[in-house]
Amino acid sequence: MWAIFFEFLLGAVVAHLISRVPFLTFPRLRAWNVQFSPHPEHIYIDSHLIQRVLHMRAFYWLGMVFALIPLVFGWLSLAHGSAPIGFGMWTVSGWLLLSRLTAVISGEEHPWTKQLAMRLQLVKNESESENQCCPFSFPVWEVSAVRCTTCGKNLLNVPRPDLGRPRKDGKIRGFIRLMLTDGRPIVASEE
């Protein structure tokens, strides 16, 4: 009985990791993070940040393509190999595909959207225009909102999701946190 449970758990963990390979590996490469400050610090609103939000959006949807790998191997394992491992892989990858497709149908937003990138671009444009909040506007994305560091005005009330920077809380703790939150912000908005 325990052997079957551990085989199912092994298949589920493998499928969970494979489907999140783009999100966990590509944006954390050193070359992708030279223009950003280290992890817990706030990030200046510029073109690099807006591009990173769009990249994280692409990695989020690329996870669906990577979820097809354990889905196929899980089905093959169900048919010709270890049924508990195959069922674990098939269940987790199928759940990821279904949850993301139903989120699109229901209109639920994921952490990195094109609308978020456009809203950040509007904040950047406004900080460089005549309508800026103060004479020396310097918008940064803190953990809970986008604020001007000069006057402290809240410019955009959106908590910051994971942006792929290497985490300061250690590789293991950071990895576990990313696996549990799936990159979503860990704080609520200030509204």
N, C-alpha and C. Protein backbone atom coordinates (compact mmCIF):
# COMPACT_ATOMS: atom_id res chain seq x y z
N MET A 1 0.82 -1.20 0.00
CA MET A 1 0.00 0.00 0.00
C MET A 1 0.86 1.26 0.00
N TRP A 2 1.90 1.31 0.88
CA TRP A 2 2.76 2.48 0.94
C TRP A 2 3.58 2.63 -0.33
N ALA A 3 3.95 1.51 -0.93
CA ALA A 3 4.73 1.57 -2.17
C ALA A 3 3.90 2.23 -3.28
N ILE A 4 2.64 1.91 -3.35
CA ILE A 4 1.76 2.51 -4.36
C ILE A 4 1.62 4.01 -4.11
N PHE A 5 1.46 4.38 -2.85
CA PHE A 5 1.33 5.81 -2.50
C PHE A 5 2.60 6.57 -2.89
N PHE A 6 3.78 6.03 -2.58
CA PHE A 6 5.03 6.72 -2.89
C PHE A 6 5.28 6.77 -4.40
N GLU A 7 4.85 5.75 -5.13
CA GLU A 7 4.98 5.80 -6.58
C GLU A 7 4.08 6.89 -7.16
N PHE A 8 2.85 6.97 -6.65
CA PHE A 8 1.95 8.03 -7.10
C PHE A 8 2.54 9.40 -6.78
N LEU A 9 3.07 9.56 -5.56
CA LEU A 9 3.67 10.83 -5.15
C LEU A 9 4.87 11.18 -6.02
N LEU A 10 5.68 10.18 -6.36
CA LEU A 10 6.83 10.41 -7.23
C LEU A 10 6.37 10.91 -8.60
N GLY A 11 5.37 10.27 -9.17
CA GLY A 11 4.85 10.72 -10.46
C GLY A 11 4.28 12.12 -10.40
N ALA A 12 3.59 12.43 -9.31
CA ALA A 12 2.99 13.76 -9.16
C ALA A 12 4.07 14.84 -9.03
N VAL A 13 5.10 14.58 -8.25
CA VAL A 13 6.17 15.56 -8.07
C VAL A 13 6.94 15.77 -9.36
N VAL A 14 7.23 14.69 -10.07
CA VAL A 14 7.96 14.81 -11.34
C VAL A 14 7.14 15.63 -12.34
N ALA A 15 5.86 15.37 -12.44
CA ALA A 15 5.01 16.12 -13.36
C ALA A 15 4.92 17.59 -12.96
N HIS A 16 4.83 17.85 -11.66
CA HIS A 16 4.76 19.23 -11.17
C HIS A 16 6.05 19.98 -11.53
N LEU A 17 7.19 19.35 -11.36
CA LEU A 17 8.46 19.99 -11.66
C LEU A 17 8.66 20.19 -13.17
N ILE A 18 8.32 19.19 -13.96
CA ILE A 18 8.51 19.30 -15.40
C ILE A 18 7.65 20.42 -15.98
N SER A 19 6.44 20.54 -15.51
CA SER A 19 5.55 21.57 -16.06
C SER A 19 5.96 22.98 -15.65
N ARG A 20 6.82 23.11 -14.66
CA ARG A 20 7.27 24.43 -14.22
C ARG A 20 8.73 24.72 -14.57
N VAL A 21 9.32 23.93 -15.43
CA VAL A 21 10.71 24.14 -15.84
C VAL A 21 10.92 25.52 -16.44
N PRO A 22 10.08 26.00 -17.37
CA PRO A 22 10.35 27.33 -17.94
C PRO A 22 10.31 28.43 -16.89
N PHE A 23 9.38 28.35 -15.97
CA PHE A 23 9.19 29.37 -14.93
C PHE A 23 10.32 29.35 -13.91
N LEU A 24 10.84 28.16 -13.60
CA LEU A 24 11.85 28.03 -12.55
C LEU A 24 13.28 28.20 -13.04
N THR A 25 13.54 27.98 -14.31
CA THR A 25 14.94 27.98 -14.76
C THR A 25 15.29 29.18 -15.63
N PHE A 26 14.59 29.39 -16.72
CA PHE A 26 15.01 30.39 -17.69
C PHE A 26 15.16 31.80 -17.12
N PRO A 27 14.18 32.34 -16.40
CA PRO A 27 14.36 33.72 -15.93
C PRO A 27 15.36 33.87 -14.79
N ARG A 28 15.82 32.78 -14.20
CA ARG A 28 16.76 32.87 -13.09
C ARG A 28 18.22 32.78 -13.52
N LEU A 29 18.46 32.72 -14.82
CA LEU A 29 19.83 32.72 -15.31
C LEU A 29 20.48 34.06 -15.02
N ARG A 30 21.77 34.03 -14.78
CA ARG A 30 22.49 35.25 -14.40
C ARG A 30 22.38 36.33 -15.47
N ALA A 31 22.46 35.96 -16.74
CA ALA A 31 22.40 36.95 -17.82
C ALA A 31 21.06 37.66 -17.89
N TRP A 32 20.02 37.03 -17.38
CA TRP A 32 18.69 37.64 -17.42
C TRP A 32 18.47 38.63 -16.29
N ASN A 33 19.36 38.67 -15.30
CA ASN A 33 19.09 39.45 -14.10
C ASN A 33 20.13 40.53 -13.80
N VAL A 34 21.01 40.84 -14.74
CA VAL A 34 22.04 41.84 -14.45
C VAL A 34 21.46 43.24 -14.31
N GLN A 35 20.34 43.53 -14.94
CA GLN A 35 19.77 44.88 -14.89
C GLN A 35 18.83 45.09 -13.71
N PHE A 36 18.60 44.03 -12.89
CA PHE A 36 17.69 44.15 -11.76
C PHE A 36 18.44 44.13 -10.44
N SER A 37 17.83 44.77 -9.46
CA SER A 37 18.39 44.73 -8.11
C SER A 37 18.13 43.34 -7.52
N PRO A 38 18.85 42.95 -6.45
CA PRO A 38 18.63 41.63 -5.84
C PRO A 38 17.20 41.45 -5.36
N HIS A 39 16.80 40.22 -5.07
CA HIS A 39 15.41 39.82 -4.91
C HIS A 39 14.52 40.65 -4.00
N PRO A 40 14.77 40.81 -2.74
CA PRO A 40 13.69 41.46 -1.97
C PRO A 40 13.56 42.95 -2.24
N GLU A 41 14.56 43.56 -2.86
CA GLU A 41 14.52 45.01 -3.08
C GLU A 41 13.50 45.36 -4.16
N HIS A 42 13.05 46.62 -4.13
CA HIS A 42 12.10 47.08 -5.12
C HIS A 42 12.79 47.27 -6.48
N ILE A 43 11.96 47.34 -7.53
CA ILE A 43 12.47 47.42 -8.90
C ILE A 43 11.97 48.71 -9.54
N TYR A 44 12.89 49.44 -10.16
CA TYR A 44 12.52 50.66 -10.88
C TYR A 44 11.67 50.30 -12.09
N ILE A 45 10.64 51.09 -12.34
CA ILE A 45 9.74 50.86 -13.47
C ILE A 45 10.43 51.38 -14.73
N ASP A 46 10.91 50.45 -15.54
CA ASP A 46 11.55 50.81 -16.80
C ASP A 46 11.23 49.76 -17.85
N SER A 47 11.84 49.90 -19.01
CA SER A 47 11.54 48.98 -20.11
C SER A 47 12.00 47.55 -19.80
N HIS A 48 13.08 47.38 -19.01
CA HIS A 48 13.53 46.04 -18.64
C HIS A 48 12.48 45.31 -17.81
N LEU A 49 11.86 46.03 -16.88
CA LEU A 49 10.83 45.42 -16.04
C LEU A 49 9.60 45.04 -16.86
N ILE A 50 9.19 45.92 -17.74
CA ILE A 50 8.02 45.63 -18.57
C ILE A 50 8.30 44.43 -19.48
N GLN A 51 9.50 44.37 -20.01
CA GLN A 51 9.88 43.21 -20.82
C GLN A 51 9.91 41.94 -19.98
N ARG A 52 10.35 42.04 -18.72
CA ARG A 52 10.39 40.86 -17.84
C ARG A 52 8.98 40.36 -17.54
N VAL A 53 8.04 41.27 -17.34
CA VAL A 53 6.65 40.86 -17.11
C VAL A 53 6.12 40.10 -18.32
N LEU A 54 6.44 40.56 -19.51
CA LEU A 54 6.00 39.87 -20.72
C LEU A 54 6.70 38.52 -20.88
N HIS A 55 7.99 38.45 -20.49
CA HIS A 55 8.69 37.17 -20.53
C HIS A 55 8.09 36.18 -19.54
N MET A 56 7.77 36.64 -18.33
CA MET A 56 7.18 35.74 -17.34
C MET A 56 5.80 35.27 -17.81
N ARG A 57 5.09 36.13 -18.52
CA ARG A 57 3.81 35.73 -19.10
C ARG A 57 4.02 34.60 -20.11
N ALA A 58 5.05 34.73 -20.94
CA ALA A 58 5.35 33.68 -21.93
C ALA A 58 5.76 32.39 -21.24
N PHE A 59 6.56 32.49 -20.19
CA PHE A 59 6.97 31.27 -19.46
C PHE A 59 5.79 30.61 -18.77
N TYR A 60 4.84 31.42 -18.31
CA TYR A 60 3.64 30.87 -17.68
C TYR A 60 2.87 30.01 -18.68
N TRP A 61 2.67 30.52 -19.89
CA TRP A 61 1.93 29.76 -20.89
C TRP A 61 2.77 28.64 -21.49
N LEU A 62 4.07 28.80 -21.50
CA LEU A 62 4.95 27.72 -21.97
C LEU A 62 4.87 26.51 -21.05
N GLY A 63 4.49 26.74 -19.81
CA GLY A 63 4.30 25.63 -18.87
C GLY A 63 3.24 24.64 -19.34
N MET A 64 2.26 25.13 -20.11
CA MET A 64 1.25 24.22 -20.65
C MET A 64 1.86 23.28 -21.69
N VAL A 65 2.79 23.78 -22.47
CA VAL A 65 3.47 22.91 -23.45
C VAL A 65 4.31 21.88 -22.71
N PHE A 66 5.02 22.32 -21.67
CA PHE A 66 5.84 21.39 -20.89
C PHE A 66 4.97 20.40 -20.12
N ALA A 67 3.73 20.76 -19.81
CA ALA A 67 2.83 19.83 -19.12
C ALA A 67 2.40 18.68 -20.02
N LEU A 68 2.52 18.86 -21.32
CA LEU A 68 2.18 17.76 -22.24
C LEU A 68 3.16 16.60 -22.12
N ILE A 69 4.41 16.89 -21.73
CA ILE A 69 5.42 15.83 -21.59
C ILE A 69 5.02 14.82 -20.52
N PRO A 70 4.76 15.23 -19.27
CA PRO A 70 4.34 14.23 -18.29
C PRO A 70 2.95 13.66 -18.56
N LEU A 71 2.11 14.42 -19.27
CA LEU A 71 0.80 13.89 -19.62
C LEU A 71 0.95 12.68 -20.55
N VAL A 72 1.80 12.80 -21.55
CA VAL A 72 2.03 11.70 -22.49
C VAL A 72 2.74 10.54 -21.79
N PHE A 73 3.79 10.85 -21.03
CA PHE A 73 4.52 9.78 -20.33
C PHE A 73 3.65 9.13 -19.26
N GLY A 74 2.79 9.91 -18.63
CA GLY A 74 1.87 9.33 -17.65
C GLY A 74 0.89 8.39 -18.30
N TRP A 75 0.38 8.77 -19.46
CA TRP A 75 -0.55 7.90 -20.18
C TRP A 75 0.15 6.62 -20.63
N LEU A 76 1.40 6.76 -21.13
CA LEU A 76 2.16 5.57 -21.53
C LEU A 76 2.47 4.68 -20.34
N SER A 77 2.78 5.30 -19.20
CA SER A 77 3.06 4.52 -18.00
C SER A 77 1.80 3.84 -17.49
N LEU A 78 0.66 4.48 -17.62
CA LEU A 78 -0.60 3.84 -17.25
C LEU A 78 -0.88 2.62 -18.13
N ALA A 79 -0.57 2.75 -19.39
CA ALA A 79 -0.88 1.67 -20.33
C ALA A 79 0.15 0.54 -20.29
N HIS A 80 1.42 0.89 -20.10
CA HIS A 80 2.46 -0.13 -20.28
C HIS A 80 3.45 -0.24 -19.12
N GLY A 81 3.35 0.58 -18.10
CA GLY A 81 4.35 0.56 -17.04
C GLY A 81 3.72 0.55 -15.66
N SER A 82 4.27 1.37 -14.79
CA SER A 82 3.79 1.48 -13.42
C SER A 82 2.55 2.38 -13.38
N ALA A 83 1.43 1.81 -13.05
CA ALA A 83 0.18 2.57 -13.04
C ALA A 83 0.17 3.70 -12.00
N PRO A 84 0.68 3.51 -10.77
CA PRO A 84 0.65 4.64 -9.82
C PRO A 84 1.49 5.83 -10.27
N ILE A 85 2.68 5.57 -10.81
CA ILE A 85 3.52 6.67 -11.30
C ILE A 85 2.82 7.36 -12.46
N GLY A 86 2.29 6.59 -13.39
CA GLY A 86 1.59 7.17 -14.53
C GLY A 86 0.38 7.96 -14.13
N PHE A 87 -0.38 7.45 -13.15
CA PHE A 87 -1.56 8.17 -12.70
C PHE A 87 -1.17 9.47 -12.01
N GLY A 88 -0.09 9.46 -11.24
CA GLY A 88 0.38 10.69 -10.60
C GLY A 88 0.79 11.73 -11.63
N MET A 89 1.55 11.30 -12.65
CA MET A 89 1.98 12.23 -13.70
C MET A 89 0.77 12.75 -14.49
N TRP A 90 -0.12 11.84 -14.84
CA TRP A 90 -1.27 12.20 -15.65
C TRP A 90 -2.21 13.13 -14.88
N THR A 91 -2.40 12.88 -13.61
CA THR A 91 -3.30 13.70 -12.79
C THR A 91 -2.78 15.12 -12.64
N VAL A 92 -1.51 15.27 -12.27
CA VAL A 92 -0.96 16.60 -12.00
C VAL A 92 -0.86 17.42 -13.28
N SER A 93 -0.35 16.83 -14.35
CA SER A 93 -0.22 17.60 -15.59
C SER A 93 -1.59 17.90 -16.19
N GLY A 94 -2.52 16.96 -16.09
CA GLY A 94 -3.88 17.23 -16.56
C GLY A 94 -4.55 18.33 -15.75
N TRP A 95 -4.30 18.33 -14.45
CA TRP A 95 -4.87 19.37 -13.59
C TRP A 95 -4.31 20.74 -13.96
N LEU A 96 -3.03 20.82 -14.25
CA LEU A 96 -2.43 22.10 -14.65
C LEU A 96 -3.06 22.59 -15.94
N LEU A 97 -3.21 21.72 -16.92
CA LEU A 97 -3.82 22.12 -18.18
C LEU A 97 -5.26 22.58 -17.99
N LEU A 98 -6.03 21.81 -17.22
CA LEU A 98 -7.42 22.18 -16.98
C LEU A 98 -7.55 23.48 -16.19
N SER A 99 -6.72 23.65 -15.18
CA SER A 99 -6.83 24.86 -14.36
C SER A 99 -6.49 26.11 -15.15
N ARG A 100 -5.49 26.02 -16.01
CA ARG A 100 -5.13 27.21 -16.80
C ARG A 100 -6.15 27.48 -17.90
N LEU A 101 -6.70 26.43 -18.49
CA LEU A 101 -7.73 26.65 -19.51
C LEU A 101 -9.02 27.20 -18.90
N THR A 102 -9.42 26.67 -17.76
CA THR A 102 -10.64 27.19 -17.12
C THR A 102 -10.43 28.60 -16.59
N ALA A 103 -9.20 28.94 -16.21
CA ALA A 103 -8.93 30.31 -15.78
C ALA A 103 -9.10 31.28 -16.94
N VAL A 104 -8.70 30.86 -18.13
CA VAL A 104 -8.89 31.71 -19.32
C VAL A 104 -10.37 31.87 -19.61
N ILE A 105 -11.11 30.78 -19.53
CA ILE A 105 -12.55 30.82 -19.83
C ILE A 105 -13.29 31.68 -18.81
N SER A 106 -12.92 31.56 -17.54
CA SER A 106 -13.62 32.31 -16.49
C SER A 106 -13.16 33.76 -16.38
N GLY A 107 -12.06 34.11 -17.03
CA GLY A 107 -11.56 35.48 -16.98
C GLY A 107 -10.64 35.76 -15.81
N GLU A 108 -10.24 34.72 -15.09
CA GLU A 108 -9.32 34.90 -13.96
C GLU A 108 -7.93 35.25 -14.51
N GLU A 109 -7.30 36.23 -13.88
CA GLU A 109 -6.00 36.66 -14.36
C GLU A 109 -4.89 35.92 -13.64
N HIS A 110 -3.84 35.63 -14.38
CA HIS A 110 -2.64 35.07 -13.77
C HIS A 110 -1.73 36.23 -13.36
N PRO A 111 -0.63 35.96 -12.67
CA PRO A 111 0.16 37.08 -12.13
C PRO A 111 0.78 38.01 -13.17
N TRP A 112 1.06 37.50 -14.37
CA TRP A 112 1.74 38.31 -15.38
C TRP A 112 0.85 38.40 -16.60
N THR A 113 0.24 39.55 -16.82
CA THR A 113 -0.65 39.72 -17.96
C THR A 113 -0.14 40.85 -18.85
N LYS A 114 -0.65 40.88 -20.05
CA LYS A 114 -0.31 41.96 -20.96
C LYS A 114 -0.88 43.28 -20.42
N GLN A 115 -2.05 43.20 -19.77
CA GLN A 115 -2.65 44.40 -19.19
C GLN A 115 -1.76 44.97 -18.08
N LEU A 116 -1.15 44.09 -17.29
CA LEU A 116 -0.23 44.56 -16.24
C LEU A 116 0.96 45.27 -16.86
N ALA A 117 1.51 44.71 -17.93
CA ALA A 117 2.63 45.36 -18.61
C ALA A 117 2.22 46.72 -19.16
N MET A 118 1.01 46.81 -19.70
CA MET A 118 0.54 48.10 -20.22
C MET A 118 0.32 49.10 -19.09
N ARG A 119 -0.20 48.63 -17.95
CA ARG A 119 -0.40 49.54 -16.81
C ARG A 119 0.94 50.05 -16.27
N LEU A 120 1.95 49.17 -16.23
CA LEU A 120 3.28 49.61 -15.82
C LEU A 120 3.86 50.61 -16.81
N GLN A 121 3.62 50.39 -18.10
CA GLN A 121 4.09 51.34 -19.11
C GLN A 121 3.41 52.69 -18.94
N LEU A 122 2.12 52.69 -18.59
CA LEU A 122 1.42 53.95 -18.35
C LEU A 122 2.00 54.69 -17.14
N VAL A 123 2.36 53.94 -16.10
CA VAL A 123 2.99 54.57 -14.93
C VAL A 123 4.33 55.18 -15.33
N LYS A 124 5.09 54.45 -16.12
CA LYS A 124 6.38 54.96 -16.60
C LYS A 124 6.20 56.21 -17.44
N ASN A 125 5.23 56.18 -18.36
CA ASN A 125 4.98 57.34 -19.22
C ASN A 125 4.54 58.55 -18.41
N GLU A 126 3.67 58.31 -17.42
CA GLU A 126 3.18 59.42 -16.61
C GLU A 126 4.30 60.02 -15.75
N SER A 127 5.23 59.19 -15.29
CA SER A 127 6.32 59.71 -14.48
C SER A 127 7.30 60.55 -15.29
N GLU A 128 7.27 60.40 -16.62
CA GLU A 128 8.14 61.19 -17.48
C GLU A 128 7.40 62.34 -18.16
N SER A 129 6.12 62.51 -17.86
CA SER A 129 5.32 63.56 -18.51
C SER A 129 5.14 64.75 -17.57
N GLU A 130 4.32 65.69 -18.02
CA GLU A 130 4.02 66.86 -17.20
C GLU A 130 3.05 66.53 -16.07
N ASN A 131 2.36 65.39 -16.17
CA ASN A 131 1.39 64.99 -15.15
C ASN A 131 2.03 64.16 -14.04
N GLN A 132 3.31 64.20 -13.90
CA GLN A 132 3.97 63.39 -12.87
C GLN A 132 3.57 63.82 -11.47
N CYS A 133 3.69 62.91 -10.54
CA CYS A 133 3.20 63.15 -9.18
C CYS A 133 4.03 64.19 -8.43
N CYS A 134 5.31 64.30 -8.74
CA CYS A 134 6.19 65.29 -8.09
C CYS A 134 7.29 65.67 -9.08
N PRO A 135 8.04 66.71 -8.80
CA PRO A 135 9.07 67.15 -9.76
C PRO A 135 10.15 66.10 -10.04
N PHE A 136 10.45 65.25 -9.09
CA PHE A 136 11.48 64.23 -9.28
C PHE A 136 10.87 62.84 -9.12
N SER A 137 9.94 62.52 -9.98
CA SER A 137 9.20 61.26 -9.89
C SER A 137 10.13 60.09 -10.19
N PHE A 138 10.11 59.10 -9.29
CA PHE A 138 10.94 57.90 -9.44
C PHE A 138 10.10 56.70 -9.01
N PRO A 139 9.29 56.13 -9.94
CA PRO A 139 8.41 55.03 -9.57
C PRO A 139 9.16 53.71 -9.43
N VAL A 140 8.87 52.99 -8.34
CA VAL A 140 9.45 51.66 -8.11
C VAL A 140 8.32 50.71 -7.73
N TRP A 141 8.53 49.44 -8.05
CA TRP A 141 7.56 48.40 -7.71
C TRP A 141 8.01 47.73 -6.44
N GLU A 142 7.33 48.08 -5.35
CA GLU A 142 7.62 47.47 -4.06
C GLU A 142 6.85 46.16 -3.95
N VAL A 143 6.89 45.52 -2.81
CA VAL A 143 6.22 44.23 -2.65
C VAL A 143 4.71 44.35 -2.80
N SER A 144 4.13 45.43 -2.29
CA SER A 144 2.66 45.53 -2.27
C SER A 144 2.08 46.50 -3.29
N ALA A 145 2.87 47.40 -3.86
CA ALA A 145 2.33 48.39 -4.80
C ALA A 145 3.46 49.10 -5.53
N VAL A 146 3.08 49.87 -6.55
CA VAL A 146 4.03 50.73 -7.26
C VAL A 146 3.92 52.10 -6.63
N ARG A 147 5.05 52.63 -6.15
CA ARG A 147 5.07 53.91 -5.46
C ARG A 147 6.18 54.80 -6.02
N CYS A 148 6.00 56.08 -5.83
CA CYS A 148 7.06 57.04 -6.11
C CYS A 148 7.95 57.12 -4.87
N THR A 149 9.24 56.93 -5.05
CA THR A 149 10.14 56.96 -3.88
C THR A 149 10.34 58.39 -3.38
N THR A 150 10.11 59.37 -4.21
CA THR A 150 10.32 60.75 -3.80
C THR A 150 9.19 61.26 -2.91
N CYS A 151 7.94 61.10 -3.37
CA CYS A 151 6.81 61.64 -2.60
C CYS A 151 6.01 60.56 -1.88
N GLY A 152 6.21 59.30 -2.21
CA GLY A 152 5.51 58.20 -1.53
C GLY A 152 4.11 57.94 -2.05
N LYS A 153 3.73 58.57 -3.14
CA LYS A 153 2.38 58.39 -3.68
C LYS A 153 2.24 56.98 -4.26
N ASN A 154 1.09 56.36 -4.01
CA ASN A 154 0.78 55.04 -4.55
C ASN A 154 0.32 55.24 -6.00
N LEU A 155 1.12 54.74 -6.96
CA LEU A 155 0.83 54.96 -8.37
C LEU A 155 0.04 53.81 -9.00
N LEU A 156 0.22 52.60 -8.48
CA LEU A 156 -0.48 51.43 -9.00
C LEU A 156 -0.60 50.42 -7.87
N ASN A 157 -1.81 50.06 -7.54
CA ASN A 157 -2.06 49.19 -6.39
C ASN A 157 -2.07 47.72 -6.82
N VAL A 158 -0.91 47.21 -7.19
CA VAL A 158 -0.76 45.82 -7.63
C VAL A 158 0.41 45.20 -6.89
N PRO A 159 0.19 44.11 -6.15
CA PRO A 159 1.32 43.46 -5.49
C PRO A 159 2.26 42.81 -6.51
N ARG A 160 3.53 42.76 -6.17
CA ARG A 160 4.54 42.27 -7.10
C ARG A 160 4.62 40.75 -7.09
N PRO A 161 4.39 40.09 -8.23
CA PRO A 161 4.59 38.64 -8.30
C PRO A 161 6.07 38.32 -8.44
N ASP A 162 6.38 37.06 -8.52
CA ASP A 162 7.77 36.66 -8.74
C ASP A 162 8.19 37.09 -10.13
N LEU A 163 9.35 37.69 -10.23
CA LEU A 163 9.84 38.18 -11.51
C LEU A 163 11.07 37.43 -11.99
N GLY A 164 11.36 36.29 -11.38
CA GLY A 164 12.44 35.45 -11.86
C GLY A 164 13.82 35.82 -11.35
N ARG A 165 13.89 36.73 -10.40
CA ARG A 165 15.21 37.06 -9.85
C ARG A 165 15.64 35.97 -8.87
N PRO A 166 16.94 35.69 -8.79
CA PRO A 166 17.39 34.72 -7.78
C PRO A 166 16.99 35.19 -6.39
N ARG A 167 16.48 34.27 -5.60
CA ARG A 167 15.90 34.62 -4.30
C ARG A 167 16.97 34.65 -3.22
N LYS A 168 16.81 35.58 -2.26
CA LYS A 168 17.75 35.71 -1.15
C LYS A 168 17.47 34.73 -0.03
N ASP A 169 16.29 34.12 0.00
CA ASP A 169 15.96 33.24 1.11
C ASP A 169 16.52 31.84 0.95
N GLY A 170 17.48 31.68 0.06
CA GLY A 170 18.13 30.39 -0.13
C GLY A 170 17.47 29.61 -1.26
N LYS A 171 18.23 28.74 -1.86
CA LYS A 171 17.72 28.00 -3.01
C LYS A 171 16.60 27.05 -2.60
N ILE A 172 16.74 26.37 -1.49
CA ILE A 172 15.73 25.38 -1.10
C ILE A 172 14.45 26.07 -0.63
N ARG A 173 14.56 27.03 0.29
CA ARG A 173 13.36 27.73 0.76
C ARG A 173 12.69 28.53 -0.36
N GLY A 174 13.49 29.17 -1.21
CA GLY A 174 12.93 29.90 -2.34
C GLY A 174 12.24 28.97 -3.32
N PHE A 175 12.84 27.81 -3.56
CA PHE A 175 12.24 26.83 -4.47
C PHE A 175 10.91 26.33 -3.92
N ILE A 176 10.87 26.03 -2.62
CA ILE A 176 9.61 25.57 -2.01
C ILE A 176 8.55 26.66 -2.06
N ARG A 177 8.94 27.90 -1.80
CA ARG A 177 7.98 29.00 -1.86
C ARG A 177 7.43 29.18 -3.27
N LEU A 178 8.28 29.06 -4.27
CA LEU A 178 7.82 29.19 -5.65
C LEU A 178 6.91 28.02 -6.04
N MET A 179 7.20 26.84 -5.54
CA MET A 179 6.36 25.69 -5.85
C MET A 179 4.98 25.85 -5.22
N LEU A 180 4.93 26.44 -4.03
CA LEU A 180 3.64 26.59 -3.34
C LEU A 180 2.82 27.76 -3.89
N THR A 181 3.49 28.86 -4.21
CA THR A 181 2.75 30.04 -4.66
C THR A 181 2.58 30.11 -6.17
N ASP A 182 3.37 29.34 -6.91
CA ASP A 182 3.35 29.33 -8.38
C ASP A 182 3.63 30.73 -8.93
N GLY A 183 4.44 31.50 -8.21
CA GLY A 183 4.84 32.82 -8.66
C GLY A 183 3.88 33.94 -8.31
N ARG A 184 2.78 33.63 -7.70
CA ARG A 184 1.81 34.66 -7.34
C ARG A 184 2.35 35.50 -6.18
N PRO A 185 1.88 36.73 -6.04
CA PRO A 185 2.33 37.56 -4.91
C PRO A 185 1.92 36.92 -3.57
N ILE A 186 2.77 37.08 -2.58
CA ILE A 186 2.46 36.51 -1.27
C ILE A 186 1.75 37.49 -0.37
N VAL A 187 1.57 38.72 -0.84
CA VAL A 187 0.81 39.73 -0.08
C VAL A 187 -0.37 40.19 -0.92
N ALA A 188 -1.39 40.68 -0.25
CA ALA A 188 -2.56 41.19 -0.95
C ALA A 188 -2.33 42.65 -1.33
N SER A 189 -3.13 43.14 -2.22
CA SER A 189 -3.03 44.56 -2.58
C SER A 189 -3.47 45.40 -1.40
N GLU A 190 -3.15 46.68 -1.44
CA GLU A 190 -3.42 47.56 -0.31
C GLU A 190 -4.83 48.11 -0.29
N GLU A 191 -5.68 47.69 -1.20
CA GLU A 191 -7.06 48.21 -1.23
C GLU A 191 -7.84 47.69 -0.05
